[in-house]
Amino acid sequence: MFLTKLTVNVRSREFRRDFADVHDMHRTVMSGFPDTDGDIPARQAHGVLWRLEPTHAGYTALVQSHTRPDWAGLPADYLAGPAETRPLRPVLDAVVPGRTLSFRLLANPTRDSRPAELKGRGRRVAHRTADEQVTWLVRKAGQHGFVIPTAVDGRPDVAPSPMPRRTGGKADATITVDTVRFDGHLVITDAEAFTHAIVAGVGRAKAYGCGLLTIAPPRTS
């Protein structure tokens, strides 16, 4: 596993195109990986997850993958500095039940619009309120080997921040992704399930910049 940090040149025409169309951004990210044979999409075959992070100077793209990427094919002015790729193994080795970590997750919290008593699936709709978004994350945590601890105010120790809607086009379809950034603390309960969450991502819209779970030592203030 590898994690790459790409410092983007916000003046790049190609980046401005990607920023305006999330499907173009997906294609640019995938340009760092070879094509694959068979029925498995390249993103899944290479285990690619990515997230665009705002910084004081512009944006950084984080790209996680099973395969070591090759960014030589990016446009000449796409990056503001060299790509930084490092193994993810030290992060995975730190996964121990009972350990508390800080985390960040950009996710697409949604629900099925069809009433539970009806069969089949309805249209996916976004959770709009902070309480709904936190409830969604707490449920996902239970599926992925961690819990959100309680903060001093008695509420889950996580802050949801709605982010700008990402849109794009694919063939004749319009892509719309409502994103929420979660920052907080978690406690690992199941090392295997939590490792899978890091490797495979959390939630929907993984091709479009959601699902990458990044962890760090707990914050002390």
C-alpha atoms as a PDB file:
ATOM      1  CA  MET A   1       0.000   0.000   0.000  1.00  0.00           C
ATOM      2  CA  PHE A   2       1.122   3.527  -0.808  1.00  0.00           C
ATOM      3  CA  LEU A   3       0.020   7.069   0.023  1.00  0.00           C
ATOM      4  CA  THR A   4       0.930   9.906  -2.336  1.00  0.00           C
ATOM      5  CA  LYS A   5       0.775  13.618  -1.639  1.00  0.00           C
ATOM      6  CA  LEU A   6       0.355  15.774  -4.744  1.00  0.00           C
ATOM      7  CA  THR A   7       0.768  19.530  -4.271  1.00  0.00           C
ATOM      8  CA  VAL A   8      -1.396  20.951  -7.021  1.00  0.00           C
ATOM      9  CA  ASN A   9      -0.602  24.049  -9.071  1.00  0.00           C
ATOM     10  CA  VAL A  10      -3.921  25.888  -8.887  1.00  0.00           C
ATOM     11  CA  ARG A  11      -2.930  27.961 -11.937  1.00  0.00           C
ATOM     12  CA  SER A  12      -2.808  24.849 -14.095  1.00  0.00           C
ATOM     13  CA  ARG A  13      -5.523  24.905 -16.762  1.00  0.00           C
ATOM     14  CA  GLU A  14      -5.907  21.126 -16.465  1.00  0.00           C
ATOM     15  CA  PHE A  15      -6.398  21.321 -12.700  1.00  0.00           C
ATOM     16  CA  ARG A  16      -9.038  24.024 -13.101  1.00  0.00           C
ATOM     17  CA  ARG A  17     -10.816  21.708 -15.547  1.00  0.00           C
ATOM     18  CA  ASP A  18     -10.601  18.840 -13.033  1.00  0.00           C
ATOM     19  CA  PHE A  19     -11.807  21.015 -10.176  1.00  0.00           C
ATOM     20  CA  ALA A  20     -14.902  21.902 -12.201  1.00  0.00           C
ATOM     21  CA  ASP A  21     -15.681  18.285 -13.162  1.00  0.00           C
ATOM     22  CA  VAL A  22     -15.175  15.504 -10.616  1.00  0.00           C
ATOM     23  CA  HIS A  23     -15.153  12.832 -13.329  1.00  0.00           C
ATOM     24  CA  ASP A  24     -12.224  14.593 -15.030  1.00  0.00           C
ATOM     25  CA  MET A  25     -10.449  14.650 -11.652  1.00  0.00           C
ATOM     26  CA  HIS A  26     -11.059  10.911 -11.319  1.00  0.00           C
ATOM     27  CA  ARG A  27      -9.516  10.315 -14.742  1.00  0.00           C
ATOM     28  CA  THR A  28      -6.468  12.412 -13.884  1.00  0.00           C
ATOM     29  CA  VAL A  29      -5.928  10.466 -10.658  1.00  0.00           C
ATOM     30  CA  MET A  30      -6.256   7.171 -12.526  1.00  0.00           C
ATOM     31  CA  SER A  31      -3.700   8.312 -15.124  1.00  0.00           C
ATOM     32  CA  GLY A  32      -1.054   7.447 -12.518  1.00  0.00           C
ATOM     33  CA  PHE A  33      -1.923   3.737 -12.791  1.00  0.00           C
ATOM     34  CA  PRO A  34      -1.710   1.205 -15.626  1.00  0.00           C
ATOM     35  CA  ASP A  35      -4.787  -0.090 -17.414  1.00  0.00           C
ATOM     36  CA  THR A  36      -6.102  -3.449 -16.268  1.00  0.00           C
ATOM     37  CA  ASP A  37      -7.514  -6.487 -18.031  1.00  0.00           C
ATOM     38  CA  GLY A  38     -10.688  -8.241 -17.025  1.00  0.00           C
ATOM     39  CA  ASP A  39     -13.976  -7.068 -15.560  1.00  0.00           C
ATOM     40  CA  ILE A  40     -12.632  -5.344 -12.442  1.00  0.00           C
ATOM     41  CA  PRO A  41     -12.517  -1.535 -12.836  1.00  0.00           C
ATOM     42  CA  ALA A  42      -9.006  -0.082 -12.635  1.00  0.00           C
ATOM     43  CA  ARG A  43      -9.807   1.924  -9.479  1.00  0.00           C
ATOM     44  CA  GLN A  44     -10.772  -1.230  -7.627  1.00  0.00           C
ATOM     45  CA  ALA A  45      -7.939  -3.314  -9.100  1.00  0.00           C
ATOM     46  CA  HIS A  46      -5.343  -0.794  -7.906  1.00  0.00           C
ATOM     47  CA  GLY A  47      -7.204   0.006  -4.667  1.00  0.00           C
ATOM     48  CA  VAL A  48      -7.275   3.728  -5.429  1.00  0.00           C
ATOM     49  CA  LEU A  49      -8.849   6.189  -3.002  1.00  0.00           C
ATOM     50  CA  TRP A  50      -8.259   9.917  -3.183  1.00  0.00           C
ATOM     51  CA  ARG A  51      -9.196  13.168  -1.509  1.00  0.00           C
ATOM     52  CA  LEU A  52      -8.675  16.809  -2.405  1.00  0.00           C
ATOM     53  CA  GLU A  53      -7.513  18.816   0.621  1.00  0.00           C
ATOM     54  CA  PRO A  54      -7.735  22.627   0.758  1.00  0.00           C
ATOM     55  CA  THR A  55      -4.566  24.305   2.086  1.00  0.00           C
ATOM     56  CA  HIS A  56      -3.554  27.894   2.782  1.00  0.00           C
ATOM     57  CA  ALA A  57      -1.880  28.005  -0.646  1.00  0.00           C
ATOM     58  CA  GLY A  58      -4.386  26.022  -2.713  1.00  0.00           C
ATOM     59  CA  TYR A  59      -5.015  22.287  -2.787  1.00  0.00           C
ATOM     60  CA  THR A  60      -3.266  19.012  -2.071  1.00  0.00           C
ATOM     61  CA  ALA A  61      -4.460  15.686  -3.463  1.00  0.00           C
ATOM     62  CA  LEU A  62      -3.957  12.576  -1.327  1.00  0.00           C
ATOM     63  CA  VAL A  63      -3.973   9.329  -3.309  1.00  0.00           C
ATOM     64  CA  GLN A  64      -3.893   5.900  -1.647  1.00  0.00           C
ATOM     65  CA  SER A  65      -3.330   2.728  -3.681  1.00  0.00           C
ATOM     66  CA  HIS A  66      -2.207  -0.908  -3.684  1.00  0.00           C
ATOM     67  CA  THR A  67       0.035  -0.152  -6.682  1.00  0.00           C
ATOM     68  CA  ARG A  68       2.910   2.322  -6.601  1.00  0.00           C
ATOM     69  CA  PRO A  69       1.771   5.139  -8.912  1.00  0.00           C
ATOM     70  CA  ASP A  70       3.716   6.787 -11.722  1.00  0.00           C
ATOM     71  CA  TRP A  71       2.863  10.462 -12.082  1.00  0.00           C
ATOM     72  CA  ALA A  72       5.159  11.150 -15.040  1.00  0.00           C
ATOM     73  CA  GLY A  73       2.139  11.396 -17.337  1.00  0.00           C
ATOM     74  CA  LEU A  74       0.605  14.390 -15.551  1.00  0.00           C
ATOM     75  CA  PRO A  75       0.640  17.671 -17.497  1.00  0.00           C
ATOM     76  CA  ALA A  76       3.948  19.505 -17.046  1.00  0.00           C
ATOM     77  CA  ASP A  77       2.466  22.306 -14.923  1.00  0.00           C
ATOM     78  CA  TYR A  78      -0.084  20.249 -12.967  1.00  0.00           C
ATOM     79  CA  LEU A  79       2.006  20.013  -9.791  1.00  0.00           C
ATOM     80  CA  ALA A  80       3.648  22.783  -7.787  1.00  0.00           C
ATOM     81  CA  GLY A  81       6.309  20.367  -6.477  1.00  0.00           C
ATOM     82  CA  PRO A  82       7.456  16.751  -6.759  1.00  0.00           C
ATOM     83  CA  ALA A  83       4.993  13.999  -5.901  1.00  0.00           C
ATOM     84  CA  GLU A  84       5.680  12.472  -2.465  1.00  0.00           C
ATOM     85  CA  THR A  85       4.915   8.734  -2.251  1.00  0.00           C
ATOM     86  CA  ARG A  86       5.491   6.656   0.868  1.00  0.00           C
ATOM     87  CA  PRO A  87       4.544   3.138   2.023  1.00  0.00           C
ATOM     88  CA  LEU A  88       1.388   2.850   4.082  1.00  0.00           C
ATOM     89  CA  ARG A  89       2.658  -0.154   6.047  1.00  0.00           C
ATOM     90  CA  PRO A  90       3.665   1.892   9.164  1.00  0.00           C
ATOM     91  CA  VAL A  91       0.078   3.177   9.349  1.00  0.00           C
ATOM     92  CA  LEU A  92      -1.387  -0.317   9.051  1.00  0.00           C
ATOM     93  CA  ASP A  93       1.061  -1.629  11.669  1.00  0.00           C
ATOM     94  CA  ALA A  94      -0.320   0.962  14.105  1.00  0.00           C
ATOM     95  CA  VAL A  95      -3.804  -0.600  13.984  1.00  0.00           C
ATOM     96  CA  VAL A  96      -4.273  -2.107  17.454  1.00  0.00           C
ATOM     97  CA  PRO A  97      -7.596  -2.726  19.242  1.00  0.00           C
ATOM     98  CA  GLY A  98      -8.202  -0.161  21.985  1.00  0.00           C
ATOM     99  CA  ARG A  99      -6.009   2.495  20.408  1.00  0.00           C
ATOM    100  CA  THR A 100      -7.378   6.037  20.164  1.00  0.00           C
ATOM    101  CA  LEU A 101      -6.547   8.019  17.026  1.00  0.00           C
ATOM    102  CA  SER A 102      -7.559  11.256  15.390  1.00  0.00           C
ATOM    103  CA  PHE A 103      -9.028  10.898  11.927  1.00  0.00           C
ATOM    104  CA  ARG A 104     -10.313  12.682   8.866  1.00  0.00           C
ATOM    105  CA  LEU A 105     -12.847  11.310   6.401  1.00  0.00           C
ATOM    106  CA  LEU A 106     -14.454  13.009   3.417  1.00  0.00           C
ATOM    107  CA  ALA A 107     -17.648  11.059   2.854  1.00  0.00           C
ATOM    108  CA  ASN A 108     -20.925  11.012   0.957  1.00  0.00           C
ATOM    109  CA  PRO A 109     -23.506  10.299   3.697  1.00  0.00           C
ATOM    110  CA  THR A 110     -26.732   9.211   2.027  1.00  0.00           C
ATOM    111  CA  ARG A 111     -29.875   7.195   2.654  1.00  0.00           C
ATOM    112  CA  ASP A 112     -32.371   5.320   0.515  1.00  0.00           C
ATOM    113  CA  SER A 113     -35.391   7.502  -0.207  1.00  0.00           C
ATOM    114  CA  ARG A 114     -37.702   4.468  -0.441  1.00  0.00           C
ATOM    115  CA  PRO A 115     -39.629   3.737   2.786  1.00  0.00           C
ATOM    116  CA  ALA A 116     -38.314   0.686   4.648  1.00  0.00           C
ATOM    117  CA  GLU A 117     -41.611  -1.179   4.306  1.00  0.00           C
ATOM    118  CA  LEU A 118     -41.377  -1.138   0.497  1.00  0.00           C
ATOM    119  CA  LYS A 119     -39.222  -3.581  -1.431  1.00  0.00           C
ATOM    120  CA  GLY A 120     -36.447  -2.547  -3.770  1.00  0.00           C
ATOM    121  CA  ARG A 121     -34.213   0.482  -3.752  1.00  0.00           C
ATOM    122  CA  GLY A 122     -35.101   4.105  -4.199  1.00  0.00           C
ATOM    123  CA  ARG A 123     -33.041   7.141  -5.088  1.00  0.00           C
ATOM    124  CA  ARG A 124     -30.102   7.971  -2.826  1.00  0.00           C
ATOM    125  CA  VAL A 125     -30.550  11.267  -0.995  1.00  0.00           C
ATOM    126  CA  ALA A 126     -28.002  13.121   1.117  1.00  0.00           C
ATOM    127  CA  HIS A 127     -28.210  13.495   4.877  1.00  0.00           C
ATOM    128  CA  ARG A 128     -28.509  17.241   5.408  1.00  0.00           C
ATOM    129  CA  THR A 129     -28.338  17.889   9.154  1.00  0.00           C
ATOM    130  CA  ALA A 130     -25.285  17.488  11.370  1.00  0.00           C
ATOM    131  CA  ASP A 131     -27.147  15.021  13.620  1.00  0.00           C
ATOM    132  CA  GLU A 132     -28.087  12.855  10.637  1.00  0.00           C
ATOM    133  CA  GLN A 133     -24.514  12.942   9.344  1.00  0.00           C
ATOM    134  CA  VAL A 134     -23.013  11.967  12.695  1.00  0.00           C
ATOM    135  CA  THR A 135     -25.586   9.179  13.109  1.00  0.00           C
ATOM    136  CA  TRP A 136     -24.588   7.881   9.657  1.00  0.00           C
ATOM    137  CA  LEU A 137     -20.914   7.874  10.664  1.00  0.00           C
ATOM    138  CA  VAL A 138     -21.573   6.148  14.004  1.00  0.00           C
ATOM    139  CA  ARG A 139     -23.439   3.402  12.120  1.00  0.00           C
ATOM    140  CA  LYS A 140     -20.574   3.038   9.627  1.00  0.00           C
ATOM    141  CA  ALA A 141     -18.095   2.897  12.507  1.00  0.00           C
ATOM    142  CA  GLY A 142     -19.889  -0.126  13.913  1.00  0.00           C
ATOM    143  CA  GLN A 143     -19.497  -1.865  10.558  1.00  0.00           C
ATOM    144  CA  HIS A 144     -15.820  -0.969  10.200  1.00  0.00           C
ATOM    145  CA  GLY A 145     -14.224  -1.880  13.516  1.00  0.00           C
ATOM    146  CA  PHE A 146     -14.205   1.397  15.415  1.00  0.00           C
ATOM    147  CA  VAL A 147     -16.327   3.605  17.632  1.00  0.00           C
ATOM    148  CA  ILE A 148     -16.550   7.358  18.064  1.00  0.00           C
ATOM    149  CA  PRO A 149     -15.832   8.205  21.720  1.00  0.00           C
ATOM    150  CA  THR A 150     -17.812  10.732  23.705  1.00  0.00           C
ATOM    151  CA  ALA A 151     -16.402  14.258  24.026  1.00  0.00           C
ATOM    152  CA  VAL A 152     -16.540  16.381  27.171  1.00  0.00           C
ATOM    153  CA  ASP A 153     -19.906  17.819  26.074  1.00  0.00           C
ATOM    154  CA  GLY A 154     -21.405  14.330  26.043  1.00  0.00           C
ATOM    155  CA  ARG A 155     -21.727  14.189  22.262  1.00  0.00           C
ATOM    156  CA  PRO A 156     -19.702  12.067  19.798  1.00  0.00           C
ATOM    157  CA  ASP A 157     -16.170  13.444  19.419  1.00  0.00           C
ATOM    158  CA  VAL A 158     -16.476  14.330  15.747  1.00  0.00           C
ATOM    159  CA  ALA A 159     -17.211  17.523  13.829  1.00  0.00           C
ATOM    160  CA  PRO A 160     -19.031  17.256  10.478  1.00  0.00           C
ATOM    161  CA  SER A 161     -18.290  20.050   8.009  1.00  0.00           C
ATOM    162  CA  PRO A 162     -20.398  20.244   4.836  1.00  0.00           C
ATOM    163  CA  MET A 163     -18.151  20.761   1.804  1.00  0.00           C
ATOM    164  CA  PRO A 164     -19.012  22.117  -1.647  1.00  0.00           C
ATOM    165  CA  ARG A 165     -21.067  19.814  -3.860  1.00  0.00           C
ATOM    166  CA  ARG A 166     -18.948  18.100  -6.520  1.00  0.00           C
ATOM    167  CA  THR A 167     -20.437  17.706  -9.978  1.00  0.00           C
ATOM    168  CA  GLY A 168     -19.386  16.315 -13.316  1.00  0.00           C
ATOM    169  CA  GLY A 169     -20.444  14.395 -16.369  1.00  0.00           C
ATOM    170  CA  LYS A 170     -19.931  10.805 -17.520  1.00  0.00           C
ATOM    171  CA  ALA A 171     -21.284   9.836 -20.943  1.00  0.00           C
ATOM    172  CA  ASP A 172     -24.885  11.084 -20.840  1.00  0.00           C
ATOM    173  CA  ALA A 173     -25.140  11.034 -17.034  1.00  0.00           C
ATOM    174  CA  THR A 174     -24.728  13.906 -14.583  1.00  0.00           C
ATOM    175  CA  ILE A 175     -22.678  13.205 -11.468  1.00  0.00           C
ATOM    176  CA  THR A 176     -23.646  14.932  -8.211  1.00  0.00           C
ATOM    177  CA  VAL A 177     -21.809  14.191  -4.970  1.00  0.00           C
ATOM    178  CA  ASP A 178     -22.738  15.902  -1.685  1.00  0.00           C
ATOM    179  CA  THR A 179     -19.719  15.687   0.598  1.00  0.00           C
ATOM    180  CA  VAL A 180     -19.150  16.076   4.330  1.00  0.00           C
ATOM    181  CA  ARG A 181     -15.754  16.194   6.020  1.00  0.00           C
ATOM    182  CA  PHE A 182     -15.571  14.483   9.395  1.00  0.00           C
ATOM    183  CA  ASP A 183     -12.757  15.388  11.814  1.00  0.00           C
ATOM    184  CA  GLY A 184     -12.561  13.795  15.234  1.00  0.00           C
ATOM    185  CA  HIS A 185     -11.335  10.870  17.292  1.00  0.00           C
ATOM    186  CA  LEU A 186     -12.010   7.154  17.072  1.00  0.00           C
ATOM    187  CA  VAL A 187     -11.205   4.039  19.095  1.00  0.00           C
ATOM    188  CA  ILE A 188     -10.313   0.836  17.251  1.00  0.00           C
ATOM    189  CA  THR A 189     -12.410  -2.163  18.321  1.00  0.00           C
ATOM    190  CA  ASP A 190     -11.621  -4.703  15.586  1.00  0.00           C
ATOM    191  CA  ALA A 191      -8.190  -4.541  13.931  1.00  0.00           C
ATOM    192  CA  GLU A 192      -9.139  -6.608  10.876  1.00  0.00           C
ATOM    193  CA  ALA A 193     -12.321  -4.663  10.112  1.00  0.00           C
ATOM    194  CA  PHE A 194     -10.611  -1.326  10.721  1.00  0.00           C
ATOM    195  CA  THR A 195      -7.697  -2.240   8.446  1.00  0.00           C
ATOM    196  CA  HIS A 196     -10.213  -3.115   5.753  1.00  0.00           C
ATOM    197  CA  ALA A 197     -11.845   0.307   6.226  1.00  0.00           C
ATOM    198  CA  ILE A 198      -8.499   2.022   5.641  1.00  0.00           C
ATOM    199  CA  VAL A 199      -7.669  -0.119   2.623  1.00  0.00           C
ATOM    200  CA  ALA A 200     -11.101  -0.206   0.955  1.00  0.00           C
ATOM    201  CA  GLY A 201     -12.575   3.102   2.129  1.00  0.00           C
ATOM    202  CA  VAL A 202     -15.817   4.070   3.853  1.00  0.00           C
ATOM    203  CA  GLY A 203     -19.121   4.850   2.190  1.00  0.00           C
ATOM    204  CA  ARG A 204     -20.074   5.672  -1.384  1.00  0.00           C
ATOM    205  CA  ALA A 205     -18.618   7.776  -4.241  1.00  0.00           C
ATOM    206  CA  LYS A 206     -15.086   6.408  -3.816  1.00  0.00           C
ATOM    207  CA  ALA A 207     -14.252   7.119  -7.455  1.00  0.00           C
ATOM    208  CA  TYR A 208     -15.116  10.763  -6.850  1.00  0.00           C
ATOM    209  CA  GLY A 209     -12.922  11.701  -3.913  1.00  0.00           C
ATOM    210  CA  CYS A 210     -14.835  10.158  -0.999  1.00  0.00           C
ATOM    211  CA  GLY A 211     -14.076   7.313   1.394  1.00  0.00           C
ATOM    212  CA  LEU A 212     -10.370   7.829   2.198  1.00  0.00           C
ATOM    213  CA  LEU A 213      -9.931   7.421   5.974  1.00  0.00           C
ATOM    214  CA  THR A 214      -6.698   8.977   7.255  1.00  0.00           C
ATOM    215  CA  ILE A 215      -5.490   8.606  10.841  1.00  0.00           C
ATOM    216  CA  ALA A 216      -2.926  10.285  13.103  1.00  0.00           C
ATOM    217  CA  PRO A 217      -2.015  10.354  16.805  1.00  0.00           C
ATOM    218  CA  PRO A 218      -4.785  11.826  18.972  1.00  0.00           C
ATOM    219  CA  ARG A 219      -4.897  15.574  19.357  1.00  0.00           C
ATOM    220  CA  THR A 220      -4.165  16.852  22.835  1.00  0.00           C
ATOM    221  CA  SER A 221      -6.009  20.173  22.569  1.00  0.00           C
END
